[in-house]
Amino acid sequence: MATRMSSIPGPPGYVLELLRESEDFTLYRGRQHGNPSPVLAISLSAEQPSPHSLRRLEHEYSLAAALDSAWAAKPLALTRHEGRTILLLNDPGGEPLDAILERDHGQPLELTRFLRIAISLPACAPRTVNSETSM
C-alpha cells in the first residue's frame, strides 16, 4: 500500500502519513509540530463507528500503564477531533508486517530479513496473549 501525507481530521498540530486503512480503523504515523518524537494515530474509519470499535480503542488506551514502550506502542492520549475518536501512541518505528509482505508481491523474504522478523515475534507473543486475555 502506498503511503501519502494526509490532512485527516486529527489533533491540531499533527502531520500524519497514512499507513493502513481498514473498515474499522485507519493507522497513521506522524509528528506533532515542534516535537521530534514520532507518534502513531489510530482513527475510527466510519463516521458512525460501531460501539465495539470504540470500546477497542478505549480498552487499548486503558492498558497504557501495563505496557512498556520497549516492546509496545504505548498509548499516549485518547482524544476526539471533529467528531472522531483518535488514539495517539508512541511510535517505536518499524513497518507493519503486512506492508512488508505486500511490497514484496508474495515473493519470499530475503533469509536474513525473514530470520530477524521470526526471532522478534515470539518476544511479543506472551505479552500480547496476556493483554488479550485481560479483555
Protein backbone atom coordinates (compact mmCIF):
# COMPACT_ATOMS: atom_id res chain seq x y z
CA MET A 1 0.00 0.00 0.00
CA ALA A 2 1.42 3.37 -0.93
CA THR A 3 1.58 5.93 1.81
CA ARG A 4 0.57 9.52 1.43
CA MET A 5 0.61 12.64 3.52
CA SER A 6 -2.82 13.32 4.87
CA SER A 7 -4.79 16.09 6.42
CA ILE A 8 -7.13 13.74 8.26
CA PRO A 9 -9.35 15.08 10.94
CA GLY A 10 -6.69 14.68 13.58
CA PRO A 11 -5.48 16.56 16.58
CA PRO A 12 -4.36 20.10 15.74
CA GLY A 13 -0.64 20.44 15.16
CA TYR A 14 -0.02 16.94 13.82
CA VAL A 15 1.18 15.96 10.36
CA LEU A 16 0.17 12.38 9.62
CA GLU A 17 1.08 9.83 6.95
CA LEU A 18 -1.34 7.05 6.10
CA LEU A 19 -0.02 3.54 6.85
CA ARG A 20 -3.11 1.35 6.56
CA GLU A 21 -6.89 1.58 6.22
CA SER A 22 -9.48 -1.00 7.16
CA GLU A 23 -13.24 -0.96 7.53
CA ASP A 24 -12.97 -0.07 11.24
CA PHE A 25 -9.65 1.71 11.74
CA THR A 26 -7.12 3.89 9.95
CA LEU A 27 -3.49 3.85 11.09
CA TYR A 28 -1.21 6.85 10.63
CA ARG A 29 2.39 7.69 11.51
CA GLY A 30 3.26 11.30 12.17
CA ARG A 31 4.78 14.04 14.24
CA GLN A 32 3.49 16.88 16.29
CA HIS A 33 4.81 20.23 15.10
CA GLY A 34 7.80 21.20 17.24
CA ASN A 35 8.23 17.70 18.68
CA PRO A 36 10.74 15.33 17.05
CA SER A 37 9.24 12.18 18.62
CA PRO A 38 7.14 10.21 16.13
CA VAL A 39 3.64 9.05 17.02
CA LEU A 40 1.10 6.59 15.70
CA ALA A 41 -2.52 7.65 15.41
CA ILE A 42 -5.41 5.22 15.15
CA SER A 43 -8.65 6.78 13.99
CA LEU A 44 -12.06 5.20 13.72
CA SER A 45 -12.73 4.99 9.97
CA ALA A 46 -16.50 5.24 9.95
CA GLU A 47 -18.38 8.43 10.68
CA GLN A 48 -20.75 6.29 12.75
CA PRO A 49 -18.41 3.63 14.20
CA SER A 50 -19.70 0.55 15.94
CA PRO A 51 -19.73 0.58 19.74
CA HIS A 52 -17.34 -2.41 19.59
CA SER A 53 -14.74 -0.41 17.62
CA LEU A 54 -14.92 2.45 20.09
CA ARG A 55 -14.57 0.03 23.04
CA ARG A 56 -11.47 -1.48 21.40
CA LEU A 57 -9.74 1.92 21.30
CA GLU A 58 -10.82 2.70 24.86
CA HIS A 59 -9.53 -0.69 26.02
CA GLU A 60 -6.19 -0.20 24.31
CA TYR A 61 -5.84 3.20 25.95
CA SER A 62 -6.71 1.69 29.36
CA LEU A 63 -3.70 -0.66 29.03
CA ALA A 64 -1.19 2.23 28.94
CA ALA A 65 0.09 1.67 32.48
CA ALA A 66 0.66 -2.05 31.84
CA LEU A 67 2.62 -1.58 28.62
CA ASP A 68 6.34 -0.99 28.30
CA SER A 69 7.45 1.16 25.37
CA ALA A 70 10.45 -1.17 24.96
CA TRP A 71 8.11 -3.73 23.35
CA ALA A 72 4.82 -1.96 22.70
CA ALA A 73 3.40 1.15 21.09
CA LYS A 74 2.32 2.74 24.37
CA PRO A 75 -0.90 4.78 24.31
CA LEU A 76 -0.35 8.49 24.98
CA ALA A 77 -3.81 10.03 24.61
CA LEU A 78 -7.35 9.21 23.59
CA THR A 79 -8.92 12.27 22.07
CA ARG A 80 -11.76 13.42 19.85
CA HIS A 81 -11.43 15.82 16.97
CA GLU A 82 -14.18 16.79 14.55
CA GLY A 83 -16.40 14.01 15.87
CA ARG A 84 -13.82 11.21 15.50
CA THR A 85 -12.09 9.32 18.28
CA ILE A 86 -8.31 9.13 17.86
CA LEU A 87 -5.82 7.09 19.88
CA LEU A 88 -2.28 8.50 19.92
CA LEU A 89 0.60 6.12 20.71
CA ASN A 90 4.35 6.45 20.88
CA ASP A 91 5.93 5.15 17.68
CA PRO A 92 8.67 2.58 18.21
CA GLY A 93 9.36 2.62 14.46
CA GLY A 94 9.29 -0.34 12.18
CA GLU A 95 6.97 -1.30 9.40
CA PRO A 96 3.71 -3.25 9.50
CA LEU A 97 4.34 -6.88 8.59
CA ASP A 98 1.52 -6.93 6.05
CA ALA A 99 3.10 -3.93 4.29
CA ILE A 100 6.43 -5.75 4.04
CA LEU A 101 4.75 -8.81 2.56
CA GLU A 102 2.58 -6.79 0.20
CA ARG A 103 5.54 -4.76 -1.05
CA ASP A 104 7.35 -7.98 -1.98
CA HIS A 105 4.29 -9.10 -4.02
CA GLY A 106 4.14 -12.53 -2.39
CA GLN A 107 7.79 -13.27 -3.07
CA PRO A 108 9.75 -14.96 -0.29
CA LEU A 109 11.58 -12.60 2.04
CA GLU A 110 15.35 -12.49 1.93
CA LEU A 111 16.55 -15.05 4.50
CA THR A 112 18.27 -12.60 6.87
CA ARG A 113 15.21 -10.33 6.97
CA PHE A 114 12.91 -13.31 7.49
CA LEU A 115 15.00 -14.55 10.41
CA ARG A 116 15.10 -11.11 12.06
CA ILE A 117 11.30 -10.93 11.89
CA ALA A 118 10.82 -14.54 13.01
CA ILE A 119 13.13 -14.11 16.01
CA SER A 120 11.31 -10.93 17.10
CA LEU A 121 7.77 -12.32 17.02
CA PRO A 122 7.96 -14.75 19.98
CA ALA A 123 9.28 -11.98 22.22
CA CYS A 124 5.95 -10.15 21.79
CA ALA A 125 3.60 -13.13 21.91
CA PRO A 126 3.44 -13.70 25.70
CA ARG A 127 2.79 -10.03 26.32
CA THR A 128 0.13 -9.90 23.62
CA VAL A 129 -1.61 -13.04 24.87
CA ASN A 130 -1.63 -11.73 28.45
CA SER A 131 -3.09 -8.41 27.29
CA GLU A 132 -5.75 -10.07 25.16
CA THR A 133 -6.89 -12.40 27.93
CA SER A 134 -7.47 -9.48 30.26
CA MET A 135 -10.08 -8.02 27.89
